[in-house]
Amino acid sequence: MGRRPRTVEVSGVEEWLTAIATGEAVGVTAEGTAHDHPHPGVRYLPIADAASVTVRLAWPTGASHPATDAFLRLAQRHLAPGRADAGS
């Protein structure tokens, strides 16, 4: 106990996935990574007892993209506290 695993420094998600795919490393990430960054050499497995990951949505107070308000409404509708599928 008290031992820390060896870490590997990478410059981004693609390099991280390559390190995993080549057997150089293993990784732990949020569930969304599997959807946003599929990789043929990486198998994403759920960790049943892992803590939830908090996701925060931020946007500028000034001028923003024309679809910002629509995206915000969609995020609020689908990720609102109390939804059965929120955070899953």
Protein backbone atom coordinates (compact mmCIF):
# COMPACT_ATOMS: atom_id res chain seq x y z
CA MET A 1 0.00 0.00 0.00
CA GLY A 2 1.16 3.57 -0.58
CA ARG A 3 2.88 2.70 -3.85
CA ARG A 4 2.14 4.93 -6.80
CA PRO A 5 2.04 3.53 -10.32
CA ARG A 6 4.59 4.72 -12.86
CA THR A 7 3.12 7.51 -14.99
CA VAL A 8 3.63 8.31 -18.65
CA GLU A 9 3.63 11.91 -19.89
CA VAL A 10 1.69 12.49 -23.13
CA SER A 11 0.82 15.61 -25.08
CA GLY A 12 -2.85 14.85 -25.70
CA VAL A 13 -5.65 12.33 -25.97
CA GLU A 14 -4.45 10.74 -29.23
CA GLU A 15 -0.95 10.12 -27.84
CA TRP A 16 -2.51 8.79 -24.61
CA LEU A 17 -4.67 6.35 -26.57
CA THR A 18 -1.65 5.25 -28.63
CA ALA A 19 0.31 4.56 -25.43
CA ILE A 20 -2.59 2.42 -24.21
CA ALA A 21 -3.07 0.65 -27.56
CA THR A 22 0.62 -0.29 -27.74
CA GLY A 23 0.63 -1.67 -24.20
CA GLU A 24 2.86 1.10 -22.82
CA ALA A 25 0.18 2.23 -20.38
CA VAL A 26 -3.31 1.79 -19.03
CA GLY A 27 -5.64 4.68 -18.35
CA VAL A 28 -8.71 5.74 -16.44
CA THR A 29 -11.06 8.29 -17.93
CA ALA A 30 -14.65 9.47 -17.93
CA GLU A 31 -17.24 7.43 -19.82
CA GLY A 32 -17.58 10.10 -22.50
CA THR A 33 -14.05 9.46 -23.75
CA ALA A 34 -15.17 6.17 -25.28
CA HIS A 35 -17.80 8.03 -27.29
CA ASP A 36 -15.63 10.98 -28.30
CA HIS A 37 -12.37 9.12 -28.93
CA PRO A 38 -12.99 5.57 -30.15
CA HIS A 39 -9.75 3.73 -30.93
CA PRO A 40 -9.46 0.31 -32.57
CA GLY A 41 -6.64 -0.74 -30.22
CA VAL A 42 -8.32 0.36 -26.98
CA ARG A 43 -11.07 -1.38 -25.08
CA TYR A 44 -13.02 0.82 -22.68
CA LEU A 45 -14.32 -1.00 -19.60
CA PRO A 46 -16.50 0.47 -16.85
CA ILE A 47 -15.14 0.59 -13.31
CA ALA A 48 -18.18 -0.22 -11.20
CA ASP A 49 -17.02 1.43 -7.97
CA ALA A 50 -15.36 4.50 -9.51
CA ALA A 51 -16.46 7.88 -8.24
CA SER A 52 -18.65 10.04 -10.46
CA VAL A 53 -16.99 12.74 -12.54
CA THR A 54 -18.32 16.26 -12.21
CA VAL A 55 -18.83 18.01 -15.54
CA ARG A 56 -19.20 21.76 -15.63
CA LEU A 57 -20.53 23.82 -18.50
CA ALA A 58 -19.09 27.32 -18.94
CA TRP A 59 -19.64 29.96 -21.58
CA PRO A 60 -18.62 33.61 -22.01
CA THR A 61 -20.82 36.38 -20.64
CA GLY A 62 -20.37 38.39 -23.83
CA ALA A 63 -20.99 37.54 -27.46
CA SER A 64 -21.03 33.82 -28.13
CA HIS A 65 -21.82 31.32 -30.82
CA PRO A 66 -25.41 31.60 -32.14
CA ALA A 67 -26.19 28.05 -30.95
CA THR A 68 -24.94 28.58 -27.37
CA ASP A 69 -28.42 29.14 -25.91
CA ALA A 70 -29.85 26.09 -27.68
CA PHE A 71 -26.94 23.94 -26.47
CA LEU A 72 -27.38 25.20 -22.92
CA ARG A 73 -31.09 24.32 -22.94
CA LEU A 74 -30.30 20.85 -24.30
CA ALA A 75 -27.63 20.26 -21.65
CA GLN A 76 -29.92 21.44 -18.87
CA ARG A 77 -32.76 19.23 -20.09
CA HIS A 78 -30.60 16.09 -20.36
CA LEU A 79 -28.24 16.56 -17.44
CA ALA A 80 -30.47 18.18 -14.85
CA PRO A 81 -30.13 16.86 -11.28
CA GLY A 82 -32.74 14.26 -10.48
CA ARG A 83 -32.91 12.77 -13.98
CA ALA A 84 -32.63 8.99 -13.86
CA ASP A 85 -29.98 8.99 -16.61
CA ALA A 86 -28.04 12.07 -15.42
CA GLY A 87 -24.42 11.19 -14.83
CA SER A 88 -24.70 7.76 -16.35
